[in-house]
C-alpha atoms as a PDB file:
ATOM      1  CA  UNK A   1      15.636  10.571  -7.845  1.00  0.00           C
ATOM      2  CA  UNK A   2      17.352  13.969  -8.268  1.00  0.00           C
ATOM      3  CA  UNK A   3      16.448  17.590  -7.696  1.00  0.00           C
ATOM      4  CA  UNK A   4      15.833  19.651 -10.829  1.00  0.00           C
ATOM      5  CA  UNK A   5      18.889  21.798 -10.054  1.00  0.00           C
ATOM      6  CA  UNK A   6      21.183  18.764  -9.837  1.00  0.00           C
ATOM      7  CA  UNK A   7      19.799  17.294 -13.073  1.00  0.00           C
ATOM      8  CA  UNK A   8      20.341  20.603 -14.852  1.00  0.00           C
ATOM      9  CA  UNK A   9      23.971  20.695 -13.727  1.00  0.00           C
ATOM     10  CA  UNK A  10      24.565  16.962 -14.332  1.00  0.00           C
ATOM     11  CA  UNK A  11      22.862  15.762 -17.518  1.00  0.00           C
ATOM     12  CA  UNK A  12      22.443  11.954 -17.676  1.00  0.00           C
ATOM     13  CA  UNK A  13      22.646   9.199 -18.305  1.00  0.00           C
ATOM     14  CA  UNK A  14      21.758   8.216 -14.743  1.00  0.00           C
ATOM     15  CA  UNK A  15      22.281   4.736 -13.337  1.00  0.00           C
ATOM     16  CA  UNK A  16      20.434   4.998 -10.011  1.00  0.00           C
ATOM     17  CA  UNK A  17      18.083   2.228 -11.104  1.00  0.00           C
ATOM     18  CA  UNK A  18      20.919  -0.103 -11.987  1.00  0.00           C
ATOM     19  CA  UNK A  19      23.242  -0.850 -14.836  1.00  0.00           C
ATOM     20  CA  UNK A  20      21.569   0.195 -18.106  1.00  0.00           C
ATOM     21  CA  UNK A  21      22.721  -3.118 -19.605  1.00  0.00           C
ATOM     22  CA  UNK A  22      20.702  -5.037 -17.006  1.00  0.00           C
ATOM     23  CA  UNK A  23      18.272  -7.358 -18.789  1.00  0.00           C
ATOM     24  CA  UNK A  24      14.572  -6.483 -18.390  1.00  0.00           C
ATOM     25  CA  UNK A  25      13.807  -9.581 -16.279  1.00  0.00           C
ATOM     26  CA  UNK A  26      16.549  -8.606 -13.792  1.00  0.00           C
ATOM     27  CA  UNK A  27      15.240  -5.040 -13.537  1.00  0.00           C
ATOM     28  CA  UNK A  28      11.690  -6.339 -12.936  1.00  0.00           C
ATOM     29  CA  UNK A  29      12.999  -8.758 -10.286  1.00  0.00           C
ATOM     30  CA  UNK A  30      14.825  -5.956  -8.506  1.00  0.00           C
ATOM     31  CA  UNK A  31      11.742  -3.735  -8.472  1.00  0.00           C
ATOM     32  CA  UNK A  32       9.507  -6.575  -7.277  1.00  0.00           C
ATOM     33  CA  UNK A  33      11.920  -7.399  -4.445  1.00  0.00           C
ATOM     34  CA  UNK A  34      12.123  -3.727  -3.466  1.00  0.00           C
ATOM     35  CA  UNK A  35       8.357  -3.333  -3.422  1.00  0.00           C
ATOM     36  CA  UNK A  36       7.742  -6.463  -1.336  1.00  0.00           C
ATOM     37  CA  UNK A  37      10.680  -6.241   1.078  1.00  0.00           C
ATOM     38  CA  UNK A  38       9.586  -5.987   4.722  1.00  0.00           C
ATOM     39  CA  UNK A  39      12.212  -6.243   7.458  1.00  0.00           C
ATOM     40  CA  UNK A  40      10.326  -4.276  10.114  1.00  0.00           C
ATOM     41  CA  UNK A  41      10.217  -7.149  12.603  1.00  0.00           C
ATOM     42  CA  UNK A  42      13.920  -7.921  12.133  1.00  0.00           C
ATOM     43  CA  UNK A  43      15.186  -4.368  12.720  1.00  0.00           C
ATOM     44  CA  UNK A  44      15.485  -4.638  16.527  1.00  0.00           C
ATOM     45  CA  UNK A  45      17.789  -7.642  16.089  1.00  0.00           C
ATOM     46  CA  UNK A  46      20.410  -5.655  14.171  1.00  0.00           C
ATOM     47  CA  UNK A  47      23.574  -5.594  16.244  1.00  0.00           C
ATOM     48  CA  UNK A  48      25.935  -3.981  13.755  1.00  0.00           C
ATOM     49  CA  UNK A  49      26.601  -0.257  13.999  1.00  0.00           C
ATOM     50  CA  UNK A  50      24.099   1.397  11.693  1.00  0.00           C
ATOM     51  CA  UNK A  51      24.131   4.745   9.911  1.00  0.00           C
ATOM     52  CA  UNK A  52      20.911   5.846   8.220  1.00  0.00           C
ATOM     53  CA  UNK A  53      21.360   8.490   5.520  1.00  0.00           C
ATOM     54  CA  UNK A  54      18.480  10.134   3.669  1.00  0.00           C
ATOM     55  CA  UNK A  55      17.473  13.161   1.622  1.00  0.00           C
ATOM     56  CA  UNK A  56      14.719  15.283   3.128  1.00  0.00           C
ATOM     57  CA  UNK A  57      13.111  15.825  -0.299  1.00  0.00           C
ATOM     58  CA  UNK A  58      13.017  12.117  -1.241  1.00  0.00           C
ATOM     59  CA  UNK A  59       9.848  11.473  -3.252  1.00  0.00           C
ATOM     60  CA  UNK A  60      10.311   7.698  -3.413  1.00  0.00           C
ATOM     61  CA  UNK A  61      10.838   6.951   0.278  1.00  0.00           C
ATOM     62  CA  UNK A  62       9.526   9.597   2.686  1.00  0.00           C
ATOM     63  CA  UNK A  63      12.050  11.151   5.065  1.00  0.00           C
ATOM     64  CA  UNK A  64       9.527  10.480   7.850  1.00  0.00           C
ATOM     65  CA  UNK A  65      10.779   6.868   7.718  1.00  0.00           C
ATOM     66  CA  UNK A  66      14.186   7.869   9.112  1.00  0.00           C
ATOM     67  CA  UNK A  67      13.121   8.307  12.752  1.00  0.00           C
ATOM     68  CA  UNK A  68      10.965   5.182  12.470  1.00  0.00           C
ATOM     69  CA  UNK A  69      13.949   3.103  11.338  1.00  0.00           C
ATOM     70  CA  UNK A  70      16.235   4.694  13.915  1.00  0.00           C
ATOM     71  CA  UNK A  71      13.771   3.903  16.698  1.00  0.00           C
ATOM     72  CA  UNK A  72      13.757   0.218  15.690  1.00  0.00           C
ATOM     73  CA  UNK A  73      17.512  -0.285  15.144  1.00  0.00           C
ATOM     74  CA  UNK A  74      19.469  -0.225  18.411  1.00  0.00           C
ATOM     75  CA  UNK A  75      21.941   2.677  18.599  1.00  0.00           C
ATOM     76  CA  UNK A  76      21.374   3.736  14.983  1.00  0.00           C
ATOM     77  CA  UNK A  77      22.770   7.070  13.918  1.00  0.00           C
ATOM     78  CA  UNK A  78      21.063   9.254  11.319  1.00  0.00           C
ATOM     79  CA  UNK A  79      21.881  12.075   8.974  1.00  0.00           C
ATOM     80  CA  UNK A  80      19.387  13.849   6.745  1.00  0.00           C
ATOM     81  CA  UNK A  81      20.646  15.848   3.769  1.00  0.00           C
ATOM     82  CA  UNK A  82      18.624  19.055   3.373  1.00  0.00           C
ATOM     83  CA  UNK A  83      17.308  19.594  -0.140  1.00  0.00           C
ATOM     84  CA  UNK A  84      18.340  16.145  -1.413  1.00  0.00           C
ATOM     85  CA  UNK A  85      16.175  13.484  -2.959  1.00  0.00           C
ATOM     86  CA  UNK A  86      16.513   9.705  -3.229  1.00  0.00           C
ATOM     87  CA  UNK A  87      19.912   9.835  -4.933  1.00  0.00           C
ATOM     88  CA  UNK A  88      21.471  11.863  -2.091  1.00  0.00           C
ATOM     89  CA  UNK A  89      24.609   9.721  -2.479  1.00  0.00           C
ATOM     90  CA  UNK A  90      25.304  11.477  -5.773  1.00  0.00           C
ATOM     91  CA  UNK A  91      23.802  14.893  -5.078  1.00  0.00           C
ATOM     92  CA  UNK A  92      25.573  15.166  -1.711  1.00  0.00           C
ATOM     93  CA  UNK A  93      28.641  13.073  -2.502  1.00  0.00           C
ATOM     94  CA  UNK A  94      31.049  15.571  -0.948  1.00  0.00           C
ATOM     95  CA  UNK A  95      29.182  15.294   2.386  1.00  0.00           C
ATOM     96  CA  UNK A  96      27.974  11.678   2.246  1.00  0.00           C
ATOM     97  CA  UNK A  97      31.370  10.194   1.413  1.00  0.00           C
ATOM     98  CA  UNK A  98      33.170  11.607   4.461  1.00  0.00           C
ATOM     99  CA  UNK A  99      30.213  10.778   6.745  1.00  0.00           C
ATOM    100  CA  UNK A 100      30.317   7.141   5.644  1.00  0.00           C
ATOM    101  CA  UNK A 101      34.118   6.970   5.788  1.00  0.00           C
ATOM    102  CA  UNK A 102      34.183   8.427   9.316  1.00  0.00           C
ATOM    103  CA  UNK A 103      31.407   6.076  10.428  1.00  0.00           C
ATOM    104  CA  UNK A 104      33.202   3.038   9.028  1.00  0.00           C
ATOM    105  CA  UNK A 105      36.530   4.079  10.525  1.00  0.00           C
ATOM    106  CA  UNK A 106      34.943   4.567  13.949  1.00  0.00           C
ATOM    107  CA  UNK A 107      33.139   1.238  13.796  1.00  0.00           C
ATOM    108  CA  UNK A 108      35.731  -1.220  12.484  1.00  0.00           C
END
């Protein structure tokens, strides 16, 4: 989820996999839904403005998926965070926050 450098500077606990108080059956349900989710055929029907953010060092979901998603979602915008992993939203908070805020302000 995180780069070794970020983990060293920010010792846990980490909550990227959900609230630590989440009961085991809820955590299993979340992981099962994530593993089986397939919206590929629905992507071209998205009409809402879409911003795809991703870390280029993500080991859970390859960054190669970004251009694939963007090609399927009409008018999608993308931003890839160099050196970030799956939890880019924490590692790159100072960049991700303003990107999202600007995107939302421009599209509401």
